[in-house]
Amino acid sequence: VQLVESGGGLVQAGGSLRLSCAASGTIFSIHTMGWYRQAPGKQRELVAHITSGGSTNYADSAKGRVTISRDGAKNTVYLQMNSLKPEDTAVYYCNAWDPRRDMNYWGKGTLVTVSS
């Protein structure tokens, strides 16, 4: 299973970014897909996830500003982030959970930097 993130970069506070994660080597439709982030000196934390059925869950810090979605035809999951804050600065990682094997897969991450 390969997960490749893209879309990170430098943005000013209040701006928006859309992250993408392209999955390959697996049956995309069965996975719960998620986005996590890790800021310097902090633990990795959940931002949002979306199940194979389309149910979503968001961290409190993301609610109202972030939308996770998935496109089965493209084997891709997206994270639309609006009203970005400097505290959103982190490396964002894509995650895929395979319920058949109870296994997690991770991408290499994409850096998001929000300037004040």
PDB file of N, CA and C in Angstrom:
ATOM      1  N   VAL A   1       0.851  -1.183   0.000  1.00  0.00           N
ATOM      2  CA  VAL A   1       0.000   0.000   0.000  1.00  0.00           C
ATOM      3  C   VAL A   1       0.886   1.232   0.000  1.00  0.00           C
ATOM      4  N   GLN A   2       0.606   2.122  -0.898  1.00  0.00           N
ATOM      5  CA  GLN A   2       1.347   3.392  -0.954  1.00  0.00           C
ATOM      6  C   GLN A   2       0.385   4.560  -0.828  1.00  0.00           C
ATOM      7  N   LEU A   3       0.769   5.499  -0.003  1.00  0.00           N
ATOM      8  CA  LEU A   3      -0.007   6.723   0.176  1.00  0.00           C
ATOM      9  C   LEU A   3       0.920   7.892  -0.112  1.00  0.00           C
ATOM     10  N   VAL A   4       0.513   8.753  -1.010  1.00  0.00           N
ATOM     11  CA  VAL A   4       1.342   9.887  -1.399  1.00  0.00           C
ATOM     12  C   VAL A   4       0.554  11.167  -1.193  1.00  0.00           C
ATOM     13  N   GLU A   5       1.053  11.985  -0.269  1.00  0.00           N
ATOM     14  CA  GLU A   5       0.395  13.251   0.021  1.00  0.00           C
ATOM     15  C   GLU A   5       0.953  14.364  -0.862  1.00  0.00           C
ATOM     16  N   SER A   6       0.108  15.348  -1.082  1.00  0.00           N
ATOM     17  CA  SER A   6       0.534  16.554  -1.796  1.00  0.00           C
ATOM     18  C   SER A   6      -0.346  17.708  -1.356  1.00  0.00           C
ATOM     19  N   GLY A   7       0.094  18.922  -1.703  1.00  0.00           N
ATOM     20  CA  GLY A   7      -0.723  20.092  -1.440  1.00  0.00           C
ATOM     21  C   GLY A   7      -0.272  20.950  -0.281  1.00  0.00           C
ATOM     22  N   GLY A   8       0.731  20.506   0.449  1.00  0.00           N
ATOM     23  CA  GLY A   8       1.219  21.330   1.542  1.00  0.00           C
ATOM     24  C   GLY A   8       1.976  22.534   1.027  1.00  0.00           C
ATOM     25  N   GLY A   9       2.303  23.433   1.944  1.00  0.00           N
ATOM     26  CA  GLY A   9       3.049  24.620   1.556  1.00  0.00           C
ATOM     27  C   GLY A   9       2.948  25.693   2.595  1.00  0.00           C
ATOM     28  N   LEU A  10       3.347  26.880   2.201  1.00  0.00           N
ATOM     29  CA  LEU A  10       3.326  28.046   3.077  1.00  0.00           C
ATOM     30  C   LEU A  10       2.098  28.890   2.754  1.00  0.00           C
ATOM     31  N   VAL A  11       1.362  29.238   3.774  1.00  0.00           N
ATOM     32  CA  VAL A  11       0.160  30.048   3.588  1.00  0.00           C
ATOM     33  C   VAL A  11       0.050  31.030   4.747  1.00  0.00           C
ATOM     34  N   GLN A  12      -0.538  32.161   4.494  1.00  0.00           N
ATOM     35  CA  GLN A  12      -0.737  33.146   5.551  1.00  0.00           C
ATOM     36  C   GLN A  12      -1.946  32.758   6.412  1.00  0.00           C
ATOM     37  N   ALA A  13      -1.924  33.225   7.629  1.00  0.00           N
ATOM     38  CA  ALA A  13      -3.053  32.989   8.529  1.00  0.00           C
ATOM     39  C   ALA A  13      -4.341  33.485   7.881  1.00  0.00           C
ATOM     40  N   GLY A  14      -5.384  32.684   7.999  1.00  0.00           N
ATOM     41  CA  GLY A  14      -6.658  33.011   7.363  1.00  0.00           C
ATOM     42  C   GLY A  14      -6.818  32.404   5.983  1.00  0.00           C
ATOM     43  N   GLY A  15      -5.747  31.881   5.448  1.00  0.00           N
ATOM     44  CA  GLY A  15      -5.787  31.299   4.118  1.00  0.00           C
ATOM     45  C   GLY A  15      -6.288  29.872   4.120  1.00  0.00           C
ATOM     46  N   SER A  16      -6.251  29.262   2.937  1.00  0.00           N
ATOM     47  CA  SER A  16      -6.761  27.906   2.748  1.00  0.00           C
ATOM     48  C   SER A  16      -5.748  27.046   2.011  1.00  0.00           C
ATOM     49  N   LEU A  17      -5.843  25.757   2.255  1.00  0.00           N
ATOM     50  CA  LEU A  17      -5.066  24.766   1.517  1.00  0.00           C
ATOM     51  C   LEU A  17      -5.923  23.524   1.339  1.00  0.00           C
ATOM     52  N   ARG A  18      -5.680  22.803   0.259  1.00  0.00           N
ATOM     53  CA  ARG A  18      -6.301  21.498   0.081  1.00  0.00           C
ATOM     54  C   ARG A  18      -5.213  20.454  -0.069  1.00  0.00           C
ATOM     55  N   LEU A  19      -5.195  19.524   0.843  1.00  0.00           N
ATOM     56  CA  LEU A  19      -4.255  18.418   0.783  1.00  0.00           C
ATOM     57  C   LEU A  19      -4.901  17.248   0.055  1.00  0.00           C
ATOM     58  N   SER A  20      -4.073  16.504  -0.657  1.00  0.00           N
ATOM     59  CA  SER A  20      -4.537  15.315  -1.352  1.00  0.00           C
ATOM     60  C   SER A  20      -3.683  14.131  -0.945  1.00  0.00           C
ATOM     61  N   CYS A  21      -4.288  12.969  -0.953  1.00  0.00           N
ATOM     62  CA  CYS A  21      -3.564  11.738  -0.661  1.00  0.00           C
ATOM     63  C   CYS A  21      -4.029  10.685  -1.660  1.00  0.00           C
ATOM     64  N   ALA A  22      -3.106  10.280  -2.510  1.00  0.00           N
ATOM     65  CA  ALA A  22      -3.409   9.269  -3.516  1.00  0.00           C
ATOM     66  C   ALA A  22      -2.974   7.907  -2.997  1.00  0.00           C
ATOM     67  N   ALA A  23      -3.887   6.951  -3.036  1.00  0.00           N
ATOM     68  CA  ALA A  23      -3.614   5.603  -2.546  1.00  0.00           C
ATOM     69  C   ALA A  23      -3.454   4.644  -3.709  1.00  0.00           C
ATOM     70  N   SER A  24      -2.549   3.693  -3.544  1.00  0.00           N
ATOM     71  CA  SER A  24      -2.358   2.651  -4.552  1.00  0.00           C
ATOM     72  C   SER A  24      -1.977   1.353  -3.862  1.00  0.00           C
ATOM     73  N   GLY A  25      -2.139   0.256  -4.584  1.00  0.00           N
ATOM     74  CA  GLY A  25      -1.742  -1.032  -4.035  1.00  0.00           C
ATOM     75  C   GLY A  25      -2.740  -1.635  -3.072  1.00  0.00           C
ATOM     76  N   THR A  26      -3.958  -1.132  -3.096  1.00  0.00           N
ATOM     77  CA  THR A  26      -4.956  -1.643  -2.180  1.00  0.00           C
ATOM     78  C   THR A  26      -6.340  -1.383  -2.747  1.00  0.00           C
ATOM     79  N   ILE A  27      -7.335  -1.963  -2.079  1.00  0.00           N
ATOM     80  CA  ILE A  27      -8.710  -1.693  -2.470  1.00  0.00           C
ATOM     81  C   ILE A  27      -9.163  -0.472  -1.693  1.00  0.00           C
ATOM     82  N   PHE A  28      -9.075   0.661  -2.316  1.00  0.00           N
ATOM     83  CA  PHE A  28      -9.286   1.931  -1.629  1.00  0.00           C
ATOM     84  C   PHE A  28     -10.623   1.984  -0.915  1.00  0.00           C
ATOM     85  N   SER A  29     -11.649   1.416  -1.521  1.00  0.00           N
ATOM     86  CA  SER A  29     -13.004   1.607  -1.014  1.00  0.00           C
ATOM     87  C   SER A  29     -13.225   1.010   0.366  1.00  0.00           C
ATOM     88  N   ILE A  30     -12.406   0.058   0.783  1.00  0.00           N
ATOM     89  CA  ILE A  30     -12.663  -0.600   2.056  1.00  0.00           C
ATOM     90  C   ILE A  30     -12.025   0.122   3.233  1.00  0.00           C
ATOM     91  N   HIS A  31     -11.139   1.037   2.942  1.00  0.00           N
ATOM     92  CA  HIS A  31     -10.361   1.639   4.019  1.00  0.00           C
ATOM     93  C   HIS A  31     -11.065   2.819   4.657  1.00  0.00           C
ATOM     94  N   THR A  32     -10.854   2.955   5.945  1.00  0.00           N
ATOM     95  CA  THR A  32     -11.088   4.231   6.594  1.00  0.00           C
ATOM     96  C   THR A  32      -9.842   5.069   6.351  1.00  0.00           C
ATOM     97  N   MET A  33     -10.039   6.252   5.828  1.00  0.00           N
ATOM     98  CA  MET A  33      -8.927   7.144   5.496  1.00  0.00           C
ATOM     99  C   MET A  33      -8.901   8.302   6.481  1.00  0.00           C
ATOM    100  N   GLY A  34      -7.700   8.694   6.846  1.00  0.00           N
ATOM    101  CA  GLY A  34      -7.603   9.778   7.818  1.00  0.00           C
ATOM    102  C   GLY A  34      -6.428  10.684   7.548  1.00  0.00           C
ATOM    103  N   TRP A  35      -6.528  11.851   8.135  1.00  0.00           N
ATOM    104  CA  TRP A  35      -5.424  12.808   8.144  1.00  0.00           C
ATOM    105  C   TRP A  35      -5.020  13.052   9.592  1.00  0.00           C
ATOM    106  N   TYR A  36      -3.724  12.973   9.821  1.00  0.00           N
ATOM    107  CA  TYR A  36      -3.138  13.263  11.114  1.00  0.00           C
ATOM    108  C   TYR A  36      -2.102  14.366  10.918  1.00  0.00           C
ATOM    109  N   ARG A  37      -1.713  14.986  12.014  1.00  0.00           N
ATOM    110  CA  ARG A  37      -0.662  15.990  11.921  1.00  0.00           C
ATOM    111  C   ARG A  37       0.259  15.892  13.136  1.00  0.00           C
ATOM    112  N   GLN A  38       1.473  16.336  12.906  1.00  0.00           N
ATOM    113  CA  GLN A  38       2.456  16.343  13.984  1.00  0.00           C
ATOM    114  C   GLN A  38       3.234  17.643  13.918  1.00  0.00           C
ATOM    115  N   ALA A  39       3.063  18.434  14.947  1.00  0.00           N
ATOM    116  CA  ALA A  39       3.798  19.695  15.061  1.00  0.00           C
ATOM    117  C   ALA A  39       5.128  19.438  15.755  1.00  0.00           C
ATOM    118  N   PRO A  40       6.097  20.302  15.578  1.00  0.00           N
ATOM    119  CA  PRO A  40       7.400  20.091  16.223  1.00  0.00           C
ATOM    120  C   PRO A  40       7.253  19.946  17.730  1.00  0.00           C
ATOM    121  N   GLY A  41       7.852  18.893  18.259  1.00  0.00           N
ATOM    122  CA  GLY A  41       7.838  18.674  19.693  1.00  0.00           C
ATOM    123  C   GLY A  41       6.543  18.130  20.248  1.00  0.00           C
ATOM    124  N   LYS A  42       5.612  17.810  19.356  1.00  0.00           N
ATOM    125  CA  LYS A  42       4.320  17.309  19.812  1.00  0.00           C
ATOM    126  C   LYS A  42       4.040  15.924  19.248  1.00  0.00           C
ATOM    127  N   GLN A  43       3.067  15.262  19.840  1.00  0.00           N
ATOM    128  CA  GLN A  43       2.678  13.949  19.353  1.00  0.00           C
ATOM    129  C   GLN A  43       1.791  14.080  18.114  1.00  0.00           C
ATOM    130  N   ARG A  44       1.784  13.028  17.318  1.00  0.00           N
ATOM    131  CA  ARG A  44       0.895  12.997  16.169  1.00  0.00           C
ATOM    132  C   ARG A  44      -0.551  12.930  16.661  1.00  0.00           C
ATOM    133  N   GLU A  45      -1.414  13.710  16.007  1.00  0.00           N
ATOM    134  CA  GLU A  45      -2.809  13.756  16.435  1.00  0.00           C
ATOM    135  C   GLU A  45      -3.740  13.664  15.234  1.00  0.00           C
ATOM    136  N   LEU A  46      -4.914  13.148  15.483  1.00  0.00           N
ATOM    137  CA  LEU A  46      -5.921  13.038  14.440  1.00  0.00           C
ATOM    138  C   LEU A  46      -6.455  14.414  14.072  1.00  0.00           C
ATOM    139  N   VAL A  47      -6.616  14.645  12.780  1.00  0.00           N
ATOM    140  CA  VAL A  47      -7.305  15.839  12.300  1.00  0.00           C
ATOM    141  C   VAL A  47      -8.727  15.463  11.894  1.00  0.00           C
ATOM    142  N   ALA A  48      -8.830  14.427  11.059  1.00  0.00           N
ATOM    143  CA  ALA A  48     -10.143  13.984  10.591  1.00  0.00           C
ATOM    144  C   ALA A  48     -10.015  12.607   9.978  1.00  0.00           C
ATOM    145  N   HIS A  49     -11.133  11.864   9.983  1.00  0.00           N
ATOM    146  CA  HIS A  49     -11.131  10.634   9.218  1.00  0.00           C
ATOM    147  C   HIS A  49     -12.484  10.426   8.566  1.00  0.00           C
ATOM    148  N   ILE A  50     -12.479   9.579   7.559  1.00  0.00           N
ATOM    149  CA  ILE A  50     -13.704   9.284   6.812  1.00  0.00           C
ATOM    150  C   ILE A  50     -13.750   7.788   6.552  1.00  0.00           C
ATOM    151  N   THR A  51     -14.886   7.177   6.866  1.00  0.00           N
ATOM    152  CA  THR A  51     -15.022   5.735   6.700  1.00  0.00           C
ATOM    153  C   THR A  51     -15.319   5.371   5.251  1.00  0.00           C
ATOM    154  N   SER A  52     -15.337   4.081   5.000  1.00  0.00           N
ATOM    155  CA  SER A  52     -15.655   3.624   3.655  1.00  0.00           C
ATOM    156  C   SER A  52     -17.077   4.013   3.272  1.00  0.00           C
ATOM    157  N   GLY A  53     -17.930   4.180   4.263  1.00  0.00           N
ATOM    158  CA  GLY A  53     -19.307   4.580   3.995  1.00  0.00           C
ATOM    159  C   GLY A  53     -19.517   6.068   3.934  1.00  0.00           C
ATOM    160  N   GLY A  54     -18.461   6.827   4.187  1.00  0.00           N
ATOM    161  CA  GLY A  54     -18.547   8.278   4.079  1.00  0.00           C
ATOM    162  C   GLY A  54     -18.801   9.008   5.386  1.00  0.00           C
ATOM    163  N   SER A  55     -18.871   8.283   6.494  1.00  0.00           N
ATOM    164  CA  SER A  55     -19.014   8.953   7.787  1.00  0.00           C
ATOM    165  C   SER A  55     -17.716   9.640   8.159  1.00  0.00           C
ATOM    166  N   THR A  56     -17.858  10.817   8.736  1.00  0.00           N
ATOM    167  CA  THR A  56     -16.672  11.605   9.056  1.00  0.00           C
ATOM    168  C   THR A  56     -16.576  11.896  10.545  1.00  0.00           C
ATOM    169  N   ASN A  57     -15.367  12.161  10.973  1.00  0.00           N
ATOM    170  CA  ASN A  57     -15.101  12.526  12.358  1.00  0.00           C
ATOM    171  C   ASN A  57     -13.975  13.544  12.347  1.00  0.00           C
ATOM    172  N   TYR A  58     -14.131  14.587  13.159  1.00  0.00           N
ATOM    173  CA  TYR A  58     -13.145  15.669  13.190  1.00  0.00           C
ATOM    174  C   TYR A  58     -12.652  15.927  14.606  1.00  0.00           C
ATOM    175  N   ALA A  59     -11.396  16.295  14.696  1.00  0.00           N
ATOM    176  CA  ALA A  59     -10.881  16.790  15.960  1.00  0.00           C
ATOM    177  C   ALA A  59     -11.576  18.111  16.281  1.00  0.00           C
ATOM    178  N   ASP A  60     -11.696  18.402  17.561  1.00  0.00           N
ATOM    179  CA  ASP A  60     -12.358  19.650  17.955  1.00  0.00           C
ATOM    180  C   ASP A  60     -11.678  20.864  17.328  1.00  0.00           C
ATOM    181  N   SER A  61     -10.375  20.810  17.206  1.00  0.00           N
ATOM    182  CA  SER A  61      -9.626  21.942  16.646  1.00  0.00           C
ATOM    183  C   SER A  61      -9.903  22.148  15.157  1.00  0.00           C
ATOM    184  N   ALA A  62     -10.450  21.110  14.515  1.00  0.00           N
ATOM    185  CA  ALA A  62     -10.685  21.170  13.078  1.00  0.00           C
ATOM    186  C   ALA A  62     -12.139  21.470  12.718  1.00  0.00           C
ATOM    187  N   LYS A  63     -13.033  21.244  13.642  1.00  0.00           N
ATOM    188  CA  LYS A  63     -14.464  21.393  13.347  1.00  0.00           C
ATOM    189  C   LYS A  63     -14.788  22.805  12.870  1.00  0.00           C
ATOM    190  N   GLY A  64     -15.528  22.867  11.782  1.00  0.00           N
ATOM    191  CA  GLY A  64     -15.931  24.151  11.223  1.00  0.00           C
ATOM    192  C   GLY A  64     -14.925  24.765  10.279  1.00  0.00           C
ATOM    193  N   ARG A  65     -13.712  24.258  10.259  1.00  0.00           N
ATOM    194  CA  ARG A  65     -12.668  24.811   9.381  1.00  0.00           C
ATOM    195  C   ARG A  65     -12.149  23.800   8.364  1.00  0.00           C
ATOM    196  N   VAL A  66     -12.382  22.542   8.633  1.00  0.00           N
ATOM    197  CA  VAL A  66     -11.760  21.475   7.847  1.00  0.00           C
ATOM    198  C   VAL A  66     -12.839  20.533   7.307  1.00  0.00           C
ATOM    199  N   THR A  67     -12.642  20.074   6.079  1.00  0.00           N
ATOM    200  CA  THR A  67     -13.548  19.096   5.485  1.00  0.00           C
ATOM    201  C   THR A  67     -12.728  17.983   4.863  1.00  0.00           C
ATOM    202  N   ILE A  68     -13.054  16.762   5.244  1.00  0.00           N
ATOM    203  CA  ILE A  68     -12.411  15.605   4.641  1.00  0.00           C
ATOM    204  C   ILE A  68     -13.380  14.984   3.643  1.00  0.00           C
ATOM    205  N   SER A  69     -12.847  14.530   2.530  1.00  0.00           N
ATOM    206  CA  SER A  69     -13.673  13.891   1.508  1.00  0.00           C
ATOM    207  C   SER A  69     -12.837  12.846   0.792  1.00  0.00           C
ATOM    208  N   ARG A  70     -13.551  11.987   0.060  1.00  0.00           N
ATOM    209  CA  ARG A  70     -12.838  10.943  -0.674  1.00  0.00           C
ATOM    210  C   ARG A  70     -13.466  10.768  -2.050  1.00  0.00           C
ATOM    211  N   ASP A  71     -12.624  10.415  -2.995  1.00  0.00           N
ATOM    212  CA  ASP A  71     -13.061  10.172  -4.373  1.00  0.00           C
ATOM    213  C   ASP A  71     -12.632   8.765  -4.735  1.00  0.00           C
ATOM    214  N   GLY A  72     -13.605   7.849  -4.769  1.00  0.00           N
ATOM    215  CA  GLY A  72     -13.289   6.453  -5.045  1.00  0.00           C
ATOM    216  C   GLY A  72     -12.761   6.233  -6.451  1.00  0.00           C
ATOM    217  N   ALA A  73     -13.217   7.028  -7.385  1.00  0.00           N
ATOM    218  CA  ALA A  73     -12.763   6.870  -8.763  1.00  0.00           C
ATOM    219  C   ALA A  73     -11.288   7.225  -8.907  1.00  0.00           C
ATOM    220  N   LYS A  74     -10.817   8.105  -8.052  1.00  0.00           N
ATOM    221  CA  LYS A  74      -9.417   8.542  -8.116  1.00  0.00           C
ATOM    222  C   LYS A  74      -8.568   7.942  -7.005  1.00  0.00           C
ATOM    223  N   ASN A  75      -9.178   7.126  -6.148  1.00  0.00           N
ATOM    224  CA  ASN A  75      -8.447   6.542  -5.011  1.00  0.00           C
ATOM    225  C   ASN A  75      -7.732   7.624  -4.210  1.00  0.00           C
ATOM    226  N   THR A  76      -8.433   8.688  -3.964  1.00  0.00           N
ATOM    227  CA  THR A  76      -7.821   9.858  -3.341  1.00  0.00           C
ATOM    228  C   THR A  76      -8.701  10.380  -2.215  1.00  0.00           C
ATOM    229  N   VAL A  77      -8.050  10.807  -1.155  1.00  0.00           N
ATOM    230  CA  VAL A  77      -8.745  11.473  -0.060  1.00  0.00           C
ATOM    231  C   VAL A  77      -8.204  12.890   0.038  1.00  0.00           C
ATOM    232  N   TYR A  78      -9.092  13.813   0.375  1.00  0.00           N
ATOM    233  CA  TYR A  78      -8.737  15.226   0.414  1.00  0.00           C
ATOM    234  C   TYR A  78      -8.960  15.796   1.810  1.00  0.00           C
ATOM    235  N   LEU A  79      -8.228  16.849   2.100  1.00  0.00           N
ATOM    236  CA  LEU A  79      -8.452  17.612   3.324  1.00  0.00           C
ATOM    237  C   LEU A  79      -8.464  19.078   2.943  1.00  0.00           C
ATOM    238  N   GLN A  80      -9.647  19.655   2.962  1.00  0.00           N
ATOM    239  CA  GLN A  80      -9.792  21.087   2.695  1.00  0.00           C
ATOM    240  C   GLN A  80      -9.694  21.829   4.015  1.00  0.00           C
ATOM    241  N   MET A  81      -8.736  22.721   4.110  1.00  0.00           N
ATOM    242  CA  MET A  81      -8.512  23.460   5.343  1.00  0.00           C
ATOM    243  C   MET A  81      -8.688  24.948   5.076  1.00  0.00           C
ATOM    244  N   ASN A  82      -9.568  25.563   5.829  1.00  0.00           N
ATOM    245  CA  ASN A  82      -9.844  26.994   5.697  1.00  0.00           C
ATOM    246  C   ASN A  82      -9.527  27.710   7.001  1.00  0.00           C
ATOM    247  N   SER A  83      -9.461  29.019   6.917  1.00  0.00           N
ATOM    248  CA  SER A  83      -9.197  29.844   8.105  1.00  0.00           C
ATOM    249  C   SER A  83      -8.007  29.302   8.894  1.00  0.00           C
ATOM    250  N   LEU A  84      -6.950  29.064   8.188  1.00  0.00           N
ATOM    251  CA  LEU A  84      -5.773  28.454   8.824  1.00  0.00           C
ATOM    252  C   LEU A  84      -5.145  29.382   9.843  1.00  0.00           C
ATOM    253  N   LYS A  85      -4.608  28.771  10.891  1.00  0.00           N
ATOM    254  CA  LYS A  85      -3.977  29.496  11.989  1.00  0.00           C
ATOM    255  C   LYS A  85      -2.524  29.055  12.107  1.00  0.00           C
ATOM    256  N   PRO A  86      -1.680  29.886  12.694  1.00  0.00           N
ATOM    257  CA  PRO A  86      -0.282  29.472  12.873  1.00  0.00           C
ATOM    258  C   PRO A  86      -0.152  28.146  13.624  1.00  0.00           C
ATOM    259  N   GLU A  87      -1.080  27.887  14.537  1.00  0.00           N
ATOM    260  CA  GLU A  87      -1.002  26.632  15.292  1.00  0.00           C
ATOM    261  C   GLU A  87      -1.371  25.406  14.463  1.00  0.00           C
ATOM    262  N   ASP A  88      -1.812  25.625  13.233  1.00  0.00           N
ATOM    263  CA  ASP A  88      -2.045  24.501  12.320  1.00  0.00           C
ATOM    264  C   ASP A  88      -0.749  24.048  11.642  1.00  0.00           C
ATOM    265  N   THR A  89       0.315  24.779  11.859  1.00  0.00           N
ATOM    266  CA  THR A  89       1.601  24.407  11.273  1.00  0.00           C
ATOM    267  C   THR A  89       2.029  23.036  11.771  1.00  0.00           C
ATOM    268  N   ALA A  90       2.291  22.137  10.830  1.00  0.00           N
ATOM    269  CA  ALA A  90       2.639  20.757  11.178  1.00  0.00           C
ATOM    270  C   ALA A  90       2.936  19.988   9.902  1.00  0.00           C
ATOM    271  N   VAL A  91       3.460  18.798  10.080  1.00  0.00           N
ATOM    272  CA  VAL A  91       3.514  17.836   8.984  1.00  0.00           C
ATOM    273  C   VAL A  91       2.209  17.051   9.021  1.00  0.00           C
ATOM    274  N   TYR A  92       1.539  17.000   7.888  1.00  0.00           N
ATOM    275  CA  TYR A  92       0.251  16.321   7.797  1.00  0.00           C
ATOM    276  C   TYR A  92       0.461  14.963   7.113  1.00  0.00           C
ATOM    277  N   TYR A  93      -0.044  13.941   7.764  1.00  0.00           N
ATOM    278  CA  TYR A  93       0.134  12.575   7.291  1.00  0.00           C
ATOM    279  C   TYR A  93      -1.204  11.962   6.895  1.00  0.00           C
ATOM    280  N   CYS A  94      -1.167  11.248   5.810  1.00  0.00           N
ATOM    281  CA  CYS A  94      -2.327  10.477   5.373  1.00  0.00           C
ATOM    282  C   CYS A  94      -2.249   9.083   5.986  1.00  0.00           C
ATOM    283  N   ASN A  95      -3.393   8.584   6.387  1.00  0.00           N
ATOM    284  CA  ASN A  95      -3.472   7.263   7.002  1.00  0.00           C
ATOM    285  C   ASN A  95      -4.575   6.442   6.338  1.00  0.00           C
ATOM    286  N   ALA A  96      -4.299   5.168   6.180  1.00  0.00           N
ATOM    287  CA  ALA A  96      -5.324   4.237   5.690  1.00  0.00           C
ATOM    288  C   ALA A  96      -5.390   3.067   6.658  1.00  0.00           C
ATOM    289  N   TRP A  97      -6.595   2.767   7.095  1.00  0.00           N
ATOM    290  CA  TRP A  97      -6.788   1.625   7.990  1.00  0.00           C
ATOM    291  C   TRP A  97      -7.553   0.549   7.238  1.00  0.00           C
ATOM    292  N   ASP A  98      -6.942  -0.634   7.204  1.00  0.00           N
ATOM    293  CA  ASP A  98      -7.559  -1.789   6.546  1.00  0.00           C
ATOM    294  C   ASP A  98      -8.287  -2.612   7.601  1.00  0.00           C
ATOM    295  N   PRO A  99      -9.609  -2.596   7.590  1.00  0.00           N
ATOM    296  CA  PRO A  99     -10.354  -3.317   8.624  1.00  0.00           C
ATOM    297  C   PRO A  99     -10.243  -4.834   8.495  1.00  0.00           C
ATOM    298  N   ARG A 100      -9.895  -5.327   7.318  1.00  0.00           N
ATOM    299  CA  ARG A 100      -9.778  -6.784   7.146  1.00  0.00           C
ATOM    300  C   ARG A 100      -8.586  -7.320   7.921  1.00  0.00           C
ATOM    301  N   ARG A 101      -7.541  -6.538   7.949  1.00  0.00           N
ATOM    302  CA  ARG A 101      -6.296  -6.977   8.588  1.00  0.00           C
ATOM    303  C   ARG A 101      -5.972  -6.176   9.841  1.00  0.00           C
ATOM    304  N   ASP A 102      -6.803  -5.168  10.142  1.00  0.00           N
ATOM    305  CA  ASP A 102      -6.530  -4.266  11.263  1.00  0.00           C
ATOM    306  C   ASP A 102      -5.113  -3.712  11.136  1.00  0.00           C
ATOM    307  N   MET A 103      -4.815  -3.203   9.979  1.00  0.00           N
ATOM    308  CA  MET A 103      -3.487  -2.647   9.733  1.00  0.00           C
ATOM    309  C   MET A 103      -3.584  -1.196   9.309  1.00  0.00           C
ATOM    310  N   ASN A 104      -2.608  -0.440   9.737  1.00  0.00           N
ATOM    311  CA  ASN A 104      -2.515   0.979   9.383  1.00  0.00           C
ATOM    312  C   ASN A 104      -1.373   1.206   8.414  1.00  0.00           C
ATOM    313  N   TYR A 105      -1.614   2.072   7.477  1.00  0.00           N
ATOM    314  CA  TYR A 105      -0.589   2.483   6.528  1.00  0.00           C
ATOM    315  C   TYR A 105      -0.462   3.998   6.579  1.00  0.00           C
ATOM    316  N   TRP A 106       0.778   4.478   6.367  1.00  0.00           N
ATOM    317  CA  TRP A 106       1.042   5.913   6.479  1.00  0.00           C
ATOM    318  C   TRP A 106       1.767   6.431   5.250  1.00  0.00           C
ATOM    319  N   GLY A 107       1.446   7.653   4.899  1.00  0.00           N
ATOM    320  CA  GLY A 107       2.239   8.354   3.910  1.00  0.00           C
ATOM    321  C   GLY A 107       3.442   8.988   4.568  1.00  0.00           C
ATOM    322  N   LYS A 108       4.259   9.651   3.760  1.00  0.00           N
ATOM    323  CA  LYS A 108       5.475  10.266   4.286  1.00  0.00           C
ATOM    324  C   LYS A 108       5.237  11.659   4.837  1.00  0.00           C
ATOM    325  N   GLY A 109       4.100  12.217   4.544  1.00  0.00           N
ATOM    326  CA  GLY A 109       3.739  13.504   5.107  1.00  0.00           C
ATOM    327  C   GLY A 109       3.984  14.667   4.169  1.00  0.00           C
ATOM    328  N   THR A 110       3.246  15.728   4.406  1.00  0.00           N
ATOM    329  CA  THR A 110       3.426  16.973   3.666  1.00  0.00           C
ATOM    330  C   THR A 110       3.395  18.124   4.663  1.00  0.00           C
ATOM    331  N   LEU A 111       4.310  19.051   4.523  1.00  0.00           N
ATOM    332  CA  LEU A 111       4.470  20.124   5.488  1.00  0.00           C
ATOM    333  C   LEU A 111       3.522  21.285   5.178  1.00  0.00           C
ATOM    334  N   VAL A 112       2.810  21.695   6.203  1.00  0.00           N
ATOM    335  CA  VAL A 112       1.962  22.888   6.128  1.00  0.00           C
ATOM    336  C   VAL A 112       2.522  23.918   7.098  1.00  0.00           C
ATOM    337  N   THR A 113       2.815  25.081   6.581  1.00  0.00           N
ATOM    338  CA  THR A 113       3.330  26.161   7.412  1.00  0.00           C
ATOM    339  C   THR A 113       2.401  27.357   7.275  1.00  0.00           C
ATOM    340  N   VAL A 114       1.890  27.820   8.405  1.00  0.00           N
ATOM    341  CA  VAL A 114       0.975  28.953   8.415  1.00  0.00           C
ATOM    342  C   VAL A 114       1.680  30.126   9.090  1.00  0.00           C
ATOM    343  N   SER A 115       1.880  31.191   8.354  1.00  0.00           N
ATOM    344  CA  SER A 115       2.575  32.350   8.896  1.00  0.00           C
ATOM    345  C   SER A 115       1.573  33.343   9.472  1.00  0.00           C
ATOM    346  N   SER A 116       2.002  34.040  10.500  1.00  0.00           N
ATOM    347  CA  SER A 116       1.112  35.019  11.159  1.00  0.00           C
ATOM    348  C   SER A 116       1.220  36.388  10.520  1.00  0.00           C
TER     349      SER A 116
END
